Amino acid sequence: MKNIYSILANIPPAGTFRACCGHSVTLKGYTESILLTSAVPFMFSRLRRYRSLRTLREHPLPDHLWRKLRRELYLLRNLGVRQAVELRKRTTLLLHDKAIHGAQGLDMNLEMRAVIAAQASLLSLELDESSYDGWSEIIVYPGAFRVTRTVTDEFGISHEQAAPLSGESWQNGPLVLSWDDVHRDSYHRTPGRHVIIHEFAHKLDALNGRVNGMPPLHPEMSIEDWSKTLGKAYSHLLGQLEQGRECINPYAATNPAEFFAVLSEYFFTAPATLRQHCEEVYLQLRKYYRQDPLKRQEY
């Protein structure tokens, strides 16, 4: 490996650099281009901050509504002061950034929209504020909605199948929810079941460009550790189901993307169950979400 001195020795003289396209640029021009490139993220950060402050000032979430959400939504009850303040901010911003509207005549009032926004924001509470960028619409049906898909059987023959769904997430498109399922999961704890968490976990997963069970990990996290831990747990689940045993929702065995989404449901709604069955998976999700729901439940 070349040392730093040999690298410095090969720098062209007279303050010029040879660009990859073969053109020489002056040191001054090179420095200016670096500064400009570095300034772009800073400019976008400042712009986002300005827009956020304006939204919070002009479209505040009513105090009475926030208190009601904190009191009635079980996932929000044991938040610390800092987390509660941050969650209210992110809930307000999500309500303003996403068009949340009803289908089939469902009238989505502010409280209904806030129920969705608050719990979706809980998922990304300690993640980057841009985690839900790139799409703009949440569609809510009164109940389960039917989706027709073309599937190919083992003989290579295509068939159309219609199945009722409680939620659906398009990678670069809208997120679709059933209000009946949202209401049930929000106000009545069902371990390992929460349609908002499930579908928004898919949105986080998609930030890597593909929905494959591996969202963008933090710099301090090891891709190898994540892959090894979740891969081992996924294989174990498949083996359990083959033997007729169930430890978590079998829908998690559909594919790695659904595995991550279902694990996220357990992480927030039944953290003790997840840690009991697979502590290493719980620790990986704790590192990714930068939250510890199990610790919150102890208070």
Protein backbone atom coordinates (compact mmCIF):
# COMPACT_ATOMS: atom_id res chain seq x y z
CA MET A 1 0.00 0.00 0.00
CA LYS A 2 1.32 3.45 -0.89
CA ASN A 3 2.02 5.73 2.03
CA ILE A 4 0.81 9.30 2.23
CA TYR A 5 4.13 10.65 1.10
CA SER A 6 4.13 8.77 -2.21
CA ILE A 7 0.61 9.98 -2.85
CA LEU A 8 1.61 13.58 -2.20
CA ALA A 9 4.58 13.19 -4.49
CA ASN A 10 2.29 12.43 -7.43
CA ILE A 11 0.22 15.59 -7.09
CA PRO A 12 0.66 17.63 -10.32
CA PRO A 13 2.73 20.80 -9.96
CA ALA A 14 1.68 24.39 -10.46
CA GLY A 15 -1.56 23.96 -8.51
CA THR A 16 -3.37 21.82 -11.09
CA PHE A 17 -5.18 18.50 -10.88
CA ARG A 18 -6.02 16.06 -13.64
CA ALA A 19 -9.71 15.29 -13.50
CA CYS A 20 -11.02 11.86 -14.44
CA CYS A 21 -12.26 13.20 -17.77
CA GLY A 22 -8.73 14.22 -18.71
CA HIS A 23 -9.08 17.98 -18.25
CA SER A 24 -6.81 19.94 -15.94
CA VAL A 25 -8.42 22.11 -13.32
CA THR A 26 -6.77 24.66 -11.09
CA LEU A 27 -6.45 24.10 -7.38
CA LYS A 28 -8.71 27.08 -6.84
CA GLY A 29 -11.42 25.63 -9.09
CA TYR A 30 -11.07 22.23 -7.45
CA THR A 31 -11.45 23.73 -3.99
CA GLU A 32 -14.50 25.75 -5.06
CA SER A 33 -16.19 22.65 -6.47
CA ILE A 34 -15.56 20.75 -3.23
CA LEU A 35 -16.99 23.60 -1.19
CA LEU A 36 -20.05 23.81 -3.43
CA THR A 37 -20.65 20.06 -3.19
CA SER A 38 -20.35 20.21 0.59
CA ALA A 39 -22.69 23.17 0.78
CA VAL A 40 -25.61 21.46 -1.01
CA PRO A 41 -26.59 19.12 1.86
CA PHE A 42 -26.19 22.01 4.30
CA MET A 43 -28.51 24.17 2.18
CA PHE A 44 -31.16 21.45 2.03
CA SER A 45 -30.85 20.95 5.80
CA ARG A 46 -31.37 24.65 6.42
CA LEU A 47 -34.33 24.70 4.03
CA ARG A 48 -35.94 21.70 5.73
CA ARG A 49 -35.46 23.31 9.13
CA TYR A 50 -37.03 26.57 7.94
CA ARG A 51 -40.03 24.76 6.44
CA SER A 52 -40.46 22.67 9.59
CA LEU A 53 -40.43 25.68 11.89
CA ARG A 54 -42.96 27.46 9.70
CA THR A 55 -45.24 24.40 9.66
CA LEU A 56 -45.05 24.01 13.43
CA ARG A 57 -45.87 27.68 13.89
CA GLU A 58 -48.71 27.88 11.38
CA HIS A 59 -50.26 24.40 11.78
CA PRO A 60 -49.84 23.38 15.44
CA LEU A 61 -51.45 20.21 16.75
CA PRO A 62 -54.17 21.24 19.27
CA ASP A 63 -53.19 20.65 22.90
CA HIS A 64 -56.41 18.83 23.77
CA LEU A 65 -55.98 16.43 20.85
CA TRP A 66 -52.35 15.66 21.73
CA ARG A 67 -53.28 14.97 25.35
CA LYS A 68 -56.03 12.62 24.17
CA LEU A 69 -53.65 10.73 21.89
CA ARG A 70 -51.09 10.36 24.69
CA ARG A 71 -53.81 9.07 27.02
CA GLU A 72 -55.63 6.68 24.68
CA LEU A 73 -52.97 5.26 22.35
CA TYR A 74 -51.14 2.67 24.42
CA LEU A 75 -47.91 2.95 22.40
CA LEU A 76 -47.61 6.62 23.40
CA ARG A 77 -48.25 6.37 27.13
CA ASN A 78 -44.78 5.72 28.54
CA LEU A 79 -42.69 8.07 26.44
CA GLY A 80 -40.16 10.27 28.19
CA VAL A 81 -40.49 14.04 28.03
CA ARG A 82 -37.91 14.49 25.26
CA GLN A 83 -39.42 11.73 23.15
CA ALA A 84 -42.95 13.07 23.65
CA VAL A 85 -41.93 16.56 22.53
CA GLU A 86 -40.14 15.18 19.48
CA LEU A 87 -43.03 12.90 18.62
CA ARG A 88 -45.52 15.77 18.73
CA LYS A 89 -43.29 17.72 16.38
CA ARG A 90 -42.94 14.87 13.93
CA THR A 91 -46.66 14.08 14.08
CA THR A 92 -47.45 17.69 13.17
CA LEU A 93 -45.01 17.63 10.26
CA LEU A 94 -46.30 14.32 8.92
CA LEU A 95 -49.88 15.58 9.05
CA HIS A 96 -48.81 18.55 6.95
CA ASP A 97 -46.53 16.65 4.55
CA LYS A 98 -48.83 13.73 3.68
CA ALA A 99 -52.31 13.85 2.20
CA ILE A 100 -54.33 11.49 4.39
CA HIS A 101 -57.77 10.96 2.92
CA GLY A 102 -60.54 8.40 3.07
CA ALA A 103 -61.85 6.13 0.32
CA GLN A 104 -65.35 4.77 -0.26
CA GLY A 105 -66.93 7.73 1.53
CA LEU A 106 -64.82 7.54 4.70
CA ASP A 107 -64.50 11.00 6.26
CA MET A 108 -61.06 11.37 7.83
CA ASN A 109 -61.24 14.03 10.54
CA LEU A 110 -58.18 15.51 12.24
CA GLU A 111 -58.21 13.05 15.13
CA MET A 112 -58.28 10.03 12.80
CA ARG A 113 -55.44 11.42 10.74
CA ALA A 114 -53.46 12.22 13.89
CA VAL A 115 -53.89 8.65 15.17
CA ILE A 116 -52.12 7.43 12.03
CA ALA A 117 -49.49 10.18 11.94
CA ALA A 118 -48.53 9.83 15.62
CA GLN A 119 -47.92 6.09 15.50
CA ALA A 120 -46.15 6.28 12.15
CA SER A 121 -43.91 8.97 13.62
CA LEU A 122 -43.17 6.78 16.64
CA LEU A 123 -41.57 4.28 14.29
CA SER A 124 -39.17 6.88 12.88
CA LEU A 125 -38.83 8.89 16.10
CA GLU A 126 -35.04 8.48 16.38
CA LEU A 127 -34.38 8.16 12.64
CA ASP A 128 -33.62 10.90 10.14
CA GLU A 129 -36.47 13.33 9.50
CA SER A 130 -36.30 12.47 5.80
CA SER A 131 -37.22 8.82 6.43
CA TYR A 132 -40.68 9.25 4.92
CA ASP A 133 -39.65 11.47 2.01
CA GLY A 134 -40.34 10.48 -1.59
CA TRP A 135 -44.08 9.82 -1.41
CA SER A 136 -47.06 11.91 -0.42
CA GLU A 137 -50.33 10.02 0.05
CA ILE A 138 -52.03 7.80 2.63
CA ILE A 139 -55.34 6.26 1.56
CA VAL A 140 -57.66 4.90 4.23
CA TYR A 141 -60.54 2.50 3.52
CA PRO A 142 -63.37 1.96 6.02
CA GLY A 143 -62.45 -1.74 6.34
CA ALA A 144 -60.43 -4.43 4.61
CA PHE A 145 -60.04 -3.76 0.90
CA ARG A 146 -59.68 -6.29 -1.89
CA VAL A 147 -56.71 -6.33 -4.24
CA THR A 148 -56.52 -8.50 -7.35
CA ARG A 149 -53.10 -9.82 -8.32
CA THR A 150 -51.78 -12.17 -10.98
CA VAL A 151 -49.90 -15.13 -9.51
CA THR A 152 -48.11 -18.02 -11.20
CA ASP A 153 -48.61 -21.54 -9.85
CA GLU A 154 -46.09 -24.38 -9.72
CA PHE A 155 -46.98 -25.40 -13.28
CA GLY A 156 -46.24 -21.94 -14.68
CA ILE A 157 -49.91 -21.07 -15.17
CA SER A 158 -51.00 -17.53 -14.28
CA HIS A 159 -54.11 -16.93 -12.22
CA GLU A 160 -55.84 -13.87 -10.83
CA GLN A 161 -56.39 -13.88 -7.09
CA ALA A 162 -58.38 -11.40 -5.04
CA ALA A 163 -57.51 -11.12 -1.38
CA PRO A 164 -58.75 -8.81 1.41
CA LEU A 165 -55.97 -6.68 2.90
CA SER A 166 -55.68 -4.52 6.01
CA GLY A 167 -52.78 -2.51 4.61
CA GLU A 168 -50.48 -2.13 1.65
CA SER A 169 -47.36 -0.10 0.97
CA TRP A 170 -46.10 0.85 -2.48
CA GLN A 171 -42.37 1.47 -2.69
CA ASN A 172 -42.58 4.86 -4.42
CA GLY A 173 -46.31 5.36 -4.13
CA PRO A 174 -49.10 5.64 -1.60
CA LEU A 175 -49.60 3.74 1.64
CA VAL A 176 -53.05 2.15 2.06
CA LEU A 177 -54.73 1.27 5.36
CA SER A 178 -58.00 -0.16 6.67
CA TRP A 179 -59.49 2.09 9.34
CA ASP A 180 -61.13 -0.87 11.13
CA ASP A 181 -57.67 -2.42 11.57
CA VAL A 182 -56.05 0.90 12.46
CA HIS A 183 -58.64 1.52 15.18
CA ARG A 184 -58.39 -1.99 16.61
CA ASP A 185 -54.58 -2.01 16.70
CA SER A 186 -54.31 1.53 18.07
CA TYR A 187 -56.67 1.24 21.03
CA HIS A 188 -56.47 -2.47 21.89
CA ARG A 189 -53.09 -4.10 22.35
CA THR A 190 -52.73 -7.28 20.32
CA PRO A 191 -49.18 -8.65 20.68
CA GLY A 192 -47.39 -8.66 17.35
CA ARG A 193 -50.18 -6.98 15.44
CA HIS A 194 -50.21 -3.33 14.38
CA VAL A 195 -51.03 -2.44 10.78
CA ILE A 196 -49.54 1.10 10.96
CA ILE A 197 -46.20 -0.17 12.20
CA HIS A 198 -46.20 -2.97 9.63
CA GLU A 199 -46.84 -0.80 6.59
CA PHE A 200 -44.57 2.06 7.64
CA ALA A 201 -41.80 -0.46 8.33
CA HIS A 202 -42.06 -1.34 4.64
CA LYS A 203 -41.53 2.34 3.81
CA LEU A 204 -38.35 2.39 5.91
CA ASP A 205 -37.21 -0.87 4.32
CA ALA A 206 -37.66 0.65 0.85
CA LEU A 207 -35.16 3.45 1.55
CA ASN A 208 -32.38 1.15 0.34
CA GLY A 209 -33.99 1.04 -3.10
CA ARG A 210 -35.55 -2.40 -2.61
CA VAL A 211 -37.99 -3.84 -0.09
CA ASN A 212 -35.91 -6.80 1.08
CA GLY A 213 -35.78 -6.74 4.86
CA MET A 214 -32.68 -4.57 5.09
CA PRO A 215 -33.33 -0.85 5.64
CA PRO A 216 -30.38 1.55 5.50
CA LEU A 217 -28.38 0.77 8.63
CA HIS A 218 -26.62 3.36 10.75
CA PRO A 219 -22.85 3.77 10.25
CA GLU A 220 -22.11 2.14 13.59
CA MET A 221 -24.13 -0.96 12.70
CA SER A 222 -22.64 -4.01 11.00
CA ILE A 223 -24.36 -5.23 7.84
CA GLU A 224 -22.82 -8.65 8.46
CA ASP A 225 -24.26 -8.84 11.98
CA TRP A 226 -27.70 -7.73 10.78
CA SER A 227 -27.75 -10.24 7.91
CA LYS A 228 -26.45 -13.09 10.06
CA THR A 229 -28.84 -12.44 12.96
CA LEU A 230 -32.02 -11.92 10.94
CA GLY A 231 -31.09 -14.62 8.44
CA LYS A 232 -30.64 -17.18 11.22
CA ALA A 233 -33.94 -16.15 12.83
CA TYR A 234 -35.76 -16.35 9.49
CA SER A 235 -34.43 -19.86 8.80
CA HIS A 236 -35.42 -20.91 12.33
CA LEU A 237 -38.96 -19.62 11.76
CA LEU A 238 -39.26 -21.59 8.51
CA GLY A 239 -38.09 -24.71 10.33
CA GLN A 240 -40.59 -24.16 13.15
CA LEU A 241 -43.47 -23.82 10.70
CA GLU A 242 -42.42 -26.96 8.82
CA GLN A 243 -42.69 -28.84 12.13
CA GLY A 244 -46.10 -27.37 12.81
CA ARG A 245 -44.88 -25.04 15.54
CA GLU A 246 -45.64 -21.35 15.79
CA CYS A 247 -43.79 -18.79 17.87
CA ILE A 248 -44.67 -15.56 16.04
CA ASN A 249 -47.11 -14.58 13.30
CA PRO A 250 -46.50 -17.11 10.47
CA TYR A 251 -47.00 -14.33 7.90
CA ALA A 252 -43.44 -13.33 8.78
CA ALA A 253 -42.25 -16.38 6.82
CA THR A 254 -43.60 -14.98 3.53
CA ASN A 255 -40.28 -13.33 2.63
CA PRO A 256 -37.53 -11.27 4.34
CA ALA A 257 -39.44 -8.02 3.75
CA GLU A 258 -42.52 -9.29 5.59
CA PHE A 259 -40.23 -10.80 8.23
CA PHE A 260 -38.77 -7.35 9.00
CA ALA A 261 -42.23 -5.74 9.06
CA VAL A 262 -43.68 -8.38 11.42
CA LEU A 263 -40.60 -8.22 13.67
CA SER A 264 -41.13 -4.45 13.87
CA GLU A 265 -44.71 -5.06 15.00
CA TYR A 266 -43.47 -7.32 17.80
CA PHE A 267 -40.67 -4.90 18.69
CA PHE A 268 -43.14 -2.11 19.48
CA THR A 269 -46.22 -4.03 20.65
CA ALA A 270 -44.73 -7.12 22.34
CA PRO A 271 -41.03 -6.46 22.98
CA ALA A 272 -40.82 -9.01 25.81
CA THR A 273 -42.10 -11.74 23.48
CA LEU A 274 -39.58 -10.84 20.81
CA ARG A 275 -36.69 -10.77 23.24
CA GLN A 276 -37.79 -14.07 24.76
CA HIS A 277 -37.86 -15.87 21.42
CA CYS A 278 -34.86 -14.12 19.83
CA GLU A 279 -32.88 -11.69 21.94
CA GLU A 280 -30.29 -11.06 19.20
CA VAL A 281 -33.00 -9.86 16.82
CA TYR A 282 -34.39 -7.56 19.50
CA LEU A 283 -30.94 -6.05 20.00
CA GLN A 284 -30.51 -5.46 16.26
CA LEU A 285 -33.88 -3.70 16.03
CA ARG A 286 -33.04 -1.68 19.13
CA LYS A 287 -29.89 -0.47 17.39
CA TYR A 288 -31.75 0.33 14.18
CA TYR A 289 -34.77 2.12 15.66
CA ARG A 290 -32.61 3.62 18.45
CA GLN A 291 -35.42 2.89 20.88
CA ASP A 292 -36.02 0.39 23.68
CA PRO A 293 -39.76 -0.33 23.98
CA LEU A 294 -39.13 -2.99 26.61
CA LYS A 295 -37.54 -0.42 28.89
CA ARG A 296 -40.51 1.92 28.35
CA GLN A 297 -42.93 -0.80 29.43
CA GLU A 298 -41.11 -1.18 32.74
CA TYR A 299 -42.24 2.28 33.85
